[in-house]
């Protein structure tokens, strides 16, 4: 069974008839004093004699985005590799192998592993990275640097450093 995040929008369209001194006041009254809660009715703080409305009770529904959420603990090695970004960088005078893993498509990298090129090949590093993310790595090597972005805001700030 897969899990998806579906971003959706419900649109209720209708007309307010309101008594006001001018257009600016009418807009302010609708913006500040009228609302609708899911499962409720249109509500207002305006006097009943100053306002009337006509809204359809059935909304238009739009699906804005669909994203599959992969649980990193149960992802296959093939799926994991497809979502990894591999790179070789020069940092602090050393060549560094680094792998970044994006577990929610387009949301930035949640995990990073890196090491000095002389300590591990790309293949060895990938195997350790997969084991770390899926929770099966028993003992990380001292020369590998691991980083986990704990919040969504940190996803694009997973640093290369920390070796």
N, C-alpha and C. Protein backbone atom coordinates (compact mmCIF):
# COMPACT_ATOMS: atom_id res chain seq x y z
N UNK A 1 0.84 -1.18 0.00
CA UNK A 1 0.00 0.00 0.00
C UNK A 1 0.89 1.24 0.00
N UNK A 2 0.62 2.18 -0.88
CA UNK A 2 1.41 3.41 -0.99
C UNK A 2 0.68 4.56 -0.29
N UNK A 3 1.44 5.58 0.08
CA UNK A 3 0.87 6.77 0.72
C UNK A 3 1.15 7.97 -0.17
N UNK A 4 0.14 8.81 -0.33
CA UNK A 4 0.26 9.99 -1.17
C UNK A 4 -0.19 11.23 -0.40
N UNK A 5 0.42 12.35 -0.72
CA UNK A 5 -0.07 13.64 -0.25
C UNK A 5 -0.78 14.27 -1.42
N UNK A 6 -2.05 14.63 -1.24
CA UNK A 6 -2.85 15.26 -2.28
C UNK A 6 -3.17 16.68 -1.83
N UNK A 7 -2.64 17.65 -2.54
CA UNK A 7 -2.97 19.04 -2.24
C UNK A 7 -4.21 19.39 -3.07
N UNK A 8 -5.29 19.78 -2.39
CA UNK A 8 -6.56 20.03 -3.06
C UNK A 8 -7.11 21.39 -2.64
N UNK A 9 -8.05 21.86 -3.43
CA UNK A 9 -8.68 23.15 -3.16
C UNK A 9 -10.18 23.00 -3.41
N UNK A 10 -11.00 23.46 -2.48
CA UNK A 10 -12.44 23.50 -2.65
C UNK A 10 -12.83 24.95 -2.87
N UNK A 11 -13.59 25.19 -3.92
CA UNK A 11 -13.95 26.56 -4.27
C UNK A 11 -15.48 26.68 -4.24
N UNK A 12 -15.96 27.55 -3.36
CA UNK A 12 -17.38 27.88 -3.30
C UNK A 12 -17.53 29.26 -3.93
N UNK A 13 -18.42 29.36 -4.88
CA UNK A 13 -18.59 30.64 -5.56
C UNK A 13 -20.00 31.13 -5.35
N UNK A 14 -20.12 32.43 -5.10
CA UNK A 14 -21.42 33.02 -4.89
C UNK A 14 -21.34 34.53 -4.91
N UNK A 15 -22.43 35.17 -4.48
CA UNK A 15 -22.55 36.62 -4.53
C UNK A 15 -22.98 37.15 -3.18
N UNK A 16 -22.33 38.21 -2.71
CA UNK A 16 -22.77 38.96 -1.54
C UNK A 16 -23.43 40.24 -2.05
N UNK A 17 -24.55 40.58 -1.47
CA UNK A 17 -25.16 41.90 -1.69
C UNK A 17 -25.04 42.61 -0.36
N UNK A 18 -24.38 43.77 -0.36
CA UNK A 18 -24.09 44.45 0.90
C UNK A 18 -24.31 45.94 0.78
N UNK A 19 -24.84 46.53 1.84
CA UNK A 19 -25.02 47.98 1.90
C UNK A 19 -23.77 48.57 2.57
N UNK A 20 -23.15 49.52 1.86
CA UNK A 20 -21.94 50.16 2.38
C UNK A 20 -21.85 51.57 1.82
N UNK A 21 -21.01 52.39 2.45
CA UNK A 21 -20.82 53.78 2.00
C UNK A 21 -20.12 53.83 0.65
N UNK A 22 -19.15 52.93 0.41
CA UNK A 22 -18.42 52.93 -0.86
C UNK A 22 -17.86 51.53 -1.11
N UNK A 23 -17.22 51.35 -2.26
CA UNK A 23 -16.67 50.04 -2.63
C UNK A 23 -15.62 49.56 -1.65
N UNK A 24 -14.75 50.45 -1.20
CA UNK A 24 -13.70 50.08 -0.26
C UNK A 24 -14.29 49.52 1.03
N UNK A 25 -15.33 50.17 1.54
CA UNK A 25 -15.98 49.67 2.76
C UNK A 25 -16.65 48.33 2.50
N UNK A 26 -17.29 48.17 1.35
CA UNK A 26 -17.95 46.90 1.00
C UNK A 26 -16.92 45.77 0.95
N UNK A 27 -15.78 46.03 0.31
CA UNK A 27 -14.72 45.01 0.24
C UNK A 27 -14.20 44.67 1.64
N UNK A 28 -13.97 45.71 2.46
CA UNK A 28 -13.47 45.49 3.81
C UNK A 28 -14.45 44.66 4.63
N UNK A 29 -15.74 44.96 4.51
CA UNK A 29 -16.76 44.23 5.28
C UNK A 29 -16.78 42.75 4.89
N UNK A 30 -16.69 42.47 3.59
CA UNK A 30 -16.71 41.07 3.15
C UNK A 30 -15.42 40.37 3.60
N UNK A 31 -14.29 41.06 3.42
CA UNK A 31 -13.00 40.47 3.80
C UNK A 31 -12.91 40.23 5.31
N UNK A 32 -13.30 41.21 6.10
CA UNK A 32 -13.14 41.13 7.56
C UNK A 32 -14.28 40.45 8.30
N UNK A 33 -15.50 40.56 7.78
CA UNK A 33 -16.67 40.17 8.56
C UNK A 33 -17.45 38.98 8.03
N UNK A 34 -17.00 38.35 6.96
CA UNK A 34 -17.73 37.21 6.40
C UNK A 34 -16.78 36.02 6.26
N UNK A 35 -17.31 34.82 6.43
CA UNK A 35 -16.47 33.64 6.32
C UNK A 35 -17.29 32.38 6.13
N UNK A 36 -16.59 31.27 5.99
CA UNK A 36 -17.22 29.97 5.82
C UNK A 36 -16.29 28.94 6.42
N UNK A 37 -16.83 28.07 7.26
CA UNK A 37 -16.06 26.98 7.83
C UNK A 37 -16.56 25.67 7.23
N UNK A 38 -15.64 24.75 6.96
CA UNK A 38 -16.02 23.46 6.43
C UNK A 38 -16.99 22.78 7.40
N UNK A 39 -18.11 22.32 6.89
CA UNK A 39 -19.12 21.69 7.72
C UNK A 39 -20.08 22.68 8.36
N UNK A 40 -19.90 23.97 8.08
CA UNK A 40 -20.78 24.99 8.65
C UNK A 40 -21.44 25.80 7.57
N UNK A 41 -21.96 26.93 7.95
CA UNK A 41 -22.64 27.82 7.03
C UNK A 41 -21.83 29.10 6.88
N UNK A 42 -22.20 29.89 5.89
CA UNK A 42 -21.60 31.22 5.77
C UNK A 42 -22.01 32.01 7.01
N UNK A 43 -21.05 32.70 7.58
CA UNK A 43 -21.34 33.50 8.78
C UNK A 43 -20.84 34.93 8.55
N UNK A 44 -21.45 35.86 9.28
CA UNK A 44 -21.09 37.26 9.15
C UNK A 44 -21.32 37.99 10.46
N UNK A 45 -20.56 39.07 10.66
CA UNK A 45 -20.77 39.96 11.80
C UNK A 45 -21.61 41.16 11.39
N UNK A 46 -21.98 41.23 10.11
CA UNK A 46 -22.78 42.36 9.61
C UNK A 46 -24.24 42.20 10.02
N UNK A 47 -24.96 43.32 10.07
CA UNK A 47 -26.39 43.28 10.37
C UNK A 47 -27.14 42.56 9.25
N UNK A 48 -28.16 41.79 9.61
CA UNK A 48 -28.93 41.03 8.62
C UNK A 48 -29.56 41.93 7.56
N UNK A 49 -29.95 43.15 7.94
CA UNK A 49 -30.59 44.04 6.96
C UNK A 49 -29.58 44.67 6.00
N UNK A 50 -28.27 44.57 6.30
CA UNK A 50 -27.24 45.16 5.45
C UNK A 50 -26.61 44.16 4.47
N UNK A 51 -26.87 42.86 4.67
CA UNK A 51 -26.18 41.87 3.83
C UNK A 51 -27.09 40.71 3.48
N UNK A 52 -26.87 40.18 2.29
CA UNK A 52 -27.56 38.99 1.82
C UNK A 52 -26.58 38.22 0.94
N UNK A 53 -26.70 36.94 0.86
CA UNK A 53 -25.79 36.17 0.03
C UNK A 53 -26.50 35.03 -0.65
N UNK A 54 -25.91 34.57 -1.73
CA UNK A 54 -26.42 33.44 -2.48
C UNK A 54 -25.22 32.62 -2.94
N UNK A 55 -24.99 31.49 -2.29
CA UNK A 55 -23.86 30.62 -2.62
C UNK A 55 -24.35 29.21 -2.88
N UNK A 56 -23.75 28.58 -3.88
CA UNK A 56 -24.02 27.17 -4.15
C UNK A 56 -23.43 26.34 -3.02
N UNK A 57 -24.15 25.33 -2.58
CA UNK A 57 -23.66 24.50 -1.47
C UNK A 57 -22.67 23.43 -1.94
N UNK A 58 -22.55 23.25 -3.25
CA UNK A 58 -21.60 22.27 -3.78
C UNK A 58 -20.40 23.01 -4.34
N UNK A 59 -19.23 22.60 -3.88
CA UNK A 59 -18.01 23.29 -4.30
C UNK A 59 -17.43 22.68 -5.56
N UNK A 60 -16.56 23.45 -6.18
CA UNK A 60 -15.72 22.92 -7.25
C UNK A 60 -14.47 22.39 -6.56
N UNK A 61 -14.00 21.23 -6.97
CA UNK A 61 -12.82 20.64 -6.34
C UNK A 61 -11.70 20.59 -7.37
N UNK A 62 -10.53 21.08 -6.98
CA UNK A 62 -9.36 21.03 -7.85
C UNK A 62 -8.24 20.30 -7.12
N UNK A 63 -7.63 19.34 -7.79
CA UNK A 63 -6.44 18.70 -7.25
C UNK A 63 -5.26 19.48 -7.80
N UNK A 64 -4.46 20.04 -6.89
CA UNK A 64 -3.36 20.91 -7.28
C UNK A 64 -2.05 20.16 -7.44
N UNK A 65 -1.85 19.10 -6.63
CA UNK A 65 -0.57 18.40 -6.66
C UNK A 65 -0.73 17.03 -6.03
N UNK A 66 0.01 16.04 -6.53
CA UNK A 66 0.03 14.70 -5.97
C UNK A 66 1.49 14.31 -5.76
N UNK A 67 1.82 13.90 -4.55
CA UNK A 67 3.19 13.50 -4.23
C UNK A 67 3.15 12.17 -3.49
N UNK A 68 3.91 11.21 -3.99
CA UNK A 68 4.01 9.95 -3.28
C UNK A 68 5.01 10.11 -2.15
N UNK A 69 4.63 9.68 -0.96
CA UNK A 69 5.52 9.74 0.19
C UNK A 69 6.15 8.37 0.36
N UNK A 70 7.45 8.32 0.22
CA UNK A 70 8.16 7.07 0.40
C UNK A 70 8.68 6.99 1.82
N UNK A 71 8.39 5.90 2.46
CA UNK A 71 8.91 5.67 3.80
C UNK A 71 10.35 5.18 3.65
N UNK A 72 11.33 5.97 4.12
CA UNK A 72 12.72 5.56 3.92
C UNK A 72 13.06 4.23 4.58
N UNK A 73 12.29 3.79 5.54
CA UNK A 73 12.59 2.53 6.22
C UNK A 73 12.21 1.32 5.37
N UNK A 74 11.31 1.50 4.39
CA UNK A 74 10.85 0.36 3.60
C UNK A 74 11.12 0.51 2.11
N UNK A 75 11.92 1.46 1.72
CA UNK A 75 12.22 1.68 0.31
C UNK A 75 13.19 0.63 -0.21
N UNK A 76 13.00 0.21 -1.46
CA UNK A 76 13.93 -0.75 -2.04
C UNK A 76 15.23 -0.04 -2.41
N UNK A 77 16.28 -0.81 -2.58
CA UNK A 77 17.57 -0.24 -2.92
C UNK A 77 17.51 0.47 -4.28
N UNK A 78 16.75 -0.10 -5.22
CA UNK A 78 16.61 0.50 -6.55
C UNK A 78 15.88 1.85 -6.46
N UNK A 79 14.74 1.88 -5.74
CA UNK A 79 14.01 3.14 -5.56
C UNK A 79 14.88 4.18 -4.86
N UNK A 80 15.62 3.73 -3.87
CA UNK A 80 16.50 4.62 -3.12
C UNK A 80 17.55 5.23 -4.04
N UNK A 81 18.18 4.41 -4.86
CA UNK A 81 19.23 4.89 -5.75
C UNK A 81 18.69 5.90 -6.75
N UNK A 82 17.47 5.70 -7.24
CA UNK A 82 16.85 6.62 -8.20
C UNK A 82 16.62 8.00 -7.60
N UNK A 83 16.50 8.07 -6.29
CA UNK A 83 16.24 9.35 -5.62
C UNK A 83 17.50 9.97 -5.01
N UNK A 84 18.64 9.36 -5.26
CA UNK A 84 19.90 9.88 -4.72
C UNK A 84 20.58 10.78 -5.73
N UNK A 85 21.33 11.73 -5.19
CA UNK A 85 22.18 12.58 -6.01
C UNK A 85 23.62 12.32 -5.57
N UNK A 86 24.47 11.95 -6.53
CA UNK A 86 25.87 11.64 -6.25
C UNK A 86 26.74 12.80 -6.69
N UNK A 87 27.76 13.11 -5.93
CA UNK A 87 28.67 14.17 -6.33
C UNK A 87 30.06 13.96 -5.75
N UNK A 88 31.07 14.49 -6.44
CA UNK A 88 32.43 14.52 -5.92
C UNK A 88 32.82 15.98 -5.79
N UNK A 89 33.22 16.39 -4.61
CA UNK A 89 33.51 17.78 -4.31
C UNK A 89 34.92 17.91 -3.74
N UNK A 90 35.43 19.11 -3.79
CA UNK A 90 36.67 19.41 -3.09
C UNK A 90 36.30 20.26 -1.88
N UNK A 91 36.59 19.74 -0.70
CA UNK A 91 36.26 20.45 0.54
C UNK A 91 37.45 20.33 1.48
N UNK A 92 37.80 21.42 2.08
CA UNK A 92 38.94 21.49 3.02
C UNK A 92 40.18 20.79 2.46
N UNK A 93 40.43 21.01 1.16
CA UNK A 93 41.62 20.46 0.54
C UNK A 93 41.55 18.98 0.20
N UNK A 94 40.41 18.33 0.41
CA UNK A 94 40.26 16.91 0.11
C UNK A 94 39.17 16.72 -0.94
N UNK A 95 39.30 15.65 -1.70
CA UNK A 95 38.21 15.26 -2.60
C UNK A 95 37.23 14.44 -1.78
N UNK A 96 35.95 14.77 -1.92
CA UNK A 96 34.92 14.17 -1.08
C UNK A 96 33.84 13.54 -1.95
N UNK A 97 33.52 12.28 -1.67
CA UNK A 97 32.33 11.64 -2.24
C UNK A 97 31.14 12.03 -1.37
N UNK A 98 30.06 12.45 -1.99
CA UNK A 98 28.86 12.80 -1.21
C UNK A 98 27.63 12.26 -1.93
N UNK A 99 26.68 11.81 -1.15
CA UNK A 99 25.40 11.34 -1.69
C UNK A 99 24.30 12.03 -0.89
N UNK A 100 23.33 12.57 -1.61
CA UNK A 100 22.17 13.21 -1.00
C UNK A 100 20.93 12.41 -1.37
N UNK A 101 20.00 12.30 -0.44
CA UNK A 101 18.78 11.53 -0.68
C UNK A 101 17.57 12.43 -0.49
N UNK A 102 16.71 12.45 -1.52
CA UNK A 102 15.48 13.24 -1.52
C UNK A 102 14.31 12.28 -1.33
N UNK A 103 13.73 12.24 -0.15
CA UNK A 103 12.67 11.26 0.10
C UNK A 103 11.28 11.76 -0.27
N UNK A 104 11.12 13.05 -0.56
CA UNK A 104 9.85 13.60 -1.05
C UNK A 104 10.18 14.40 -2.29
N UNK A 105 9.79 13.93 -3.43
CA UNK A 105 10.18 14.51 -4.71
C UNK A 105 10.04 16.03 -4.72
N UNK A 106 11.15 16.71 -5.00
CA UNK A 106 11.13 18.15 -5.14
C UNK A 106 11.14 18.95 -3.86
N UNK A 107 11.32 18.30 -2.73
CA UNK A 107 11.27 19.01 -1.46
C UNK A 107 12.64 19.21 -0.82
N UNK A 108 13.69 18.95 -1.53
CA UNK A 108 15.03 19.13 -0.95
C UNK A 108 15.54 17.83 -0.36
N UNK A 109 16.80 17.83 0.00
CA UNK A 109 17.44 16.61 0.47
C UNK A 109 17.31 16.46 1.98
N UNK A 110 16.83 15.30 2.39
CA UNK A 110 16.59 15.01 3.79
C UNK A 110 17.83 14.40 4.45
N UNK A 111 18.62 13.66 3.68
CA UNK A 111 19.77 12.95 4.23
C UNK A 111 21.02 13.22 3.38
N UNK A 112 22.19 13.16 4.04
CA UNK A 112 23.46 13.31 3.34
C UNK A 112 24.50 12.42 4.00
N UNK A 113 25.33 11.78 3.18
CA UNK A 113 26.49 11.04 3.67
C UNK A 113 27.67 11.50 2.83
N UNK A 114 28.82 11.62 3.44
CA UNK A 114 30.01 12.01 2.68
C UNK A 114 31.25 11.44 3.36
N UNK A 115 32.29 11.32 2.55
CA UNK A 115 33.57 10.82 3.07
C UNK A 115 34.68 11.24 2.12
N UNK A 116 35.88 11.24 2.61
CA UNK A 116 37.06 11.48 1.79
C UNK A 116 37.12 10.36 0.75
N UNK A 117 37.41 10.72 -0.50
CA UNK A 117 37.44 9.74 -1.59
C UNK A 117 38.34 8.55 -1.28
N UNK A 118 39.47 8.78 -0.61
CA UNK A 118 40.42 7.68 -0.33
C UNK A 118 39.86 6.66 0.66
N UNK A 119 38.85 7.04 1.44
CA UNK A 119 38.33 6.13 2.46
C UNK A 119 37.22 5.20 1.96
N UNK A 120 36.48 5.62 0.95
CA UNK A 120 35.39 4.77 0.47
C UNK A 120 35.05 5.12 -0.96
N UNK A 121 34.77 4.10 -1.74
CA UNK A 121 34.34 4.31 -3.12
C UNK A 121 32.88 4.75 -3.12
N UNK A 122 32.43 5.19 -4.25
CA UNK A 122 31.02 5.60 -4.39
C UNK A 122 30.09 4.43 -4.06
N UNK A 123 30.44 3.23 -4.53
CA UNK A 123 29.63 2.04 -4.28
C UNK A 123 29.58 1.69 -2.79
N UNK A 124 30.73 1.70 -2.13
CA UNK A 124 30.78 1.40 -0.69
C UNK A 124 29.98 2.44 0.10
N UNK A 125 30.15 3.69 -0.28
CA UNK A 125 29.45 4.76 0.41
C UNK A 125 27.94 4.62 0.22
N UNK A 126 27.52 4.29 -1.00
CA UNK A 126 26.09 4.10 -1.27
C UNK A 126 25.52 2.98 -0.41
N UNK A 127 26.20 1.86 -0.31
CA UNK A 127 25.71 0.74 0.51
C UNK A 127 25.55 1.15 1.98
N UNK A 128 26.54 1.88 2.51
CA UNK A 128 26.44 2.35 3.89
C UNK A 128 25.29 3.35 4.05
N UNK A 129 25.14 4.22 3.05
CA UNK A 129 24.08 5.24 3.10
C UNK A 129 22.71 4.59 3.11
N UNK A 130 22.50 3.61 2.24
CA UNK A 130 21.22 2.89 2.19
C UNK A 130 20.96 2.21 3.54
N UNK A 131 21.97 1.58 4.09
CA UNK A 131 21.81 0.91 5.39
C UNK A 131 21.50 1.92 6.49
N UNK A 132 22.14 3.10 6.45
CA UNK A 132 21.89 4.12 7.46
C UNK A 132 20.46 4.65 7.39
N UNK A 133 20.00 4.99 6.18
CA UNK A 133 18.67 5.57 6.02
C UNK A 133 17.58 4.56 6.36
N UNK A 134 17.78 3.29 6.02
CA UNK A 134 16.77 2.27 6.30
C UNK A 134 16.90 1.69 7.70
N UNK A 135 17.90 2.15 8.45
CA UNK A 135 18.02 1.73 9.85
C UNK A 135 18.70 0.40 10.05
N UNK A 136 19.43 -0.09 9.06
CA UNK A 136 20.09 -1.39 9.20
C UNK A 136 21.60 -1.28 9.36
N UNK A 137 22.15 -0.06 9.39
CA UNK A 137 23.59 0.12 9.59
C UNK A 137 23.91 -0.09 11.06
N UNK A 138 24.76 -1.07 11.32
CA UNK A 138 25.08 -1.41 12.71
C UNK A 138 26.05 -0.40 13.33
N UNK A 139 27.15 -0.13 12.66
CA UNK A 139 28.17 0.77 13.21
C UNK A 139 28.71 1.64 12.08
N UNK A 140 28.43 2.96 12.10
CA UNK A 140 28.98 3.83 11.05
C UNK A 140 30.51 3.88 11.14
N UNK A 141 31.14 4.02 10.00
CA UNK A 141 32.59 4.18 9.97
C UNK A 141 32.96 5.57 10.44
N UNK A 142 34.09 5.70 11.11
CA UNK A 142 34.52 6.98 11.68
C UNK A 142 34.77 8.02 10.59
N UNK A 143 35.09 7.59 9.38
CA UNK A 143 35.44 8.53 8.32
C UNK A 143 34.23 8.96 7.48
N UNK A 144 33.05 8.48 7.82
CA UNK A 144 31.85 8.88 7.10
C UNK A 144 31.09 9.92 7.90
N UNK A 145 30.65 10.98 7.23
CA UNK A 145 29.86 12.01 7.89
C UNK A 145 28.40 11.89 7.48
N UNK A 146 27.52 11.79 8.45
CA UNK A 146 26.09 11.64 8.20
C UNK A 146 25.36 12.91 8.63
N UNK A 147 24.34 13.30 7.88
CA UNK A 147 23.53 14.46 8.26
C UNK A 147 22.08 14.17 7.92
N UNK A 148 21.20 14.54 8.84
CA UNK A 148 19.75 14.35 8.68
C UNK A 148 19.08 15.70 8.90
N UNK A 149 18.28 16.14 7.93
CA UNK A 149 17.53 17.40 8.08
C UNK A 149 16.26 17.10 8.86
N UNK A 150 16.19 17.63 10.07
CA UNK A 150 15.07 17.29 10.96
C UNK A 150 13.77 18.00 10.61
N UNK A 151 13.85 19.16 9.96
CA UNK A 151 12.65 19.90 9.60
C UNK A 151 12.62 20.17 8.10
N UNK A 152 11.44 20.47 7.57
CA UNK A 152 11.32 20.79 6.16
C UNK A 152 12.14 22.01 5.79
N UNK A 153 12.27 22.98 6.68
CA UNK A 153 13.04 24.19 6.40
C UNK A 153 14.52 23.88 6.19
N UNK A 154 15.00 22.79 6.78
CA UNK A 154 16.41 22.44 6.68
C UNK A 154 16.74 21.61 5.43
N UNK A 155 15.74 21.21 4.67
CA UNK A 155 15.96 20.31 3.52
C UNK A 155 16.97 20.84 2.51
N UNK A 156 16.94 22.14 2.22
CA UNK A 156 17.86 22.68 1.24
C UNK A 156 19.14 23.17 1.88
N UNK A 157 19.31 22.89 3.16
CA UNK A 157 20.50 23.35 3.89
C UNK A 157 21.31 22.19 4.43
N UNK A 158 21.08 20.98 3.91
CA UNK A 158 21.88 19.84 4.36
C UNK A 158 23.30 20.10 3.86
N UNK A 159 24.25 20.34 4.77
CA UNK A 159 25.59 20.77 4.34
C UNK A 159 26.44 19.61 3.83
N UNK A 160 27.43 19.98 3.04
CA UNK A 160 28.40 19.00 2.59
C UNK A 160 29.40 18.72 3.71
N UNK A 161 29.68 19.71 4.51
CA UNK A 161 30.68 19.60 5.57
C UNK A 161 30.27 18.65 6.66
N UNK A 162 31.10 18.56 7.67
CA UNK A 162 30.83 17.68 8.79
C UNK A 162 31.54 16.36 8.67
N UNK A 163 32.60 16.34 7.87
CA UNK A 163 33.35 15.09 7.71
C UNK A 163 34.15 14.77 8.93
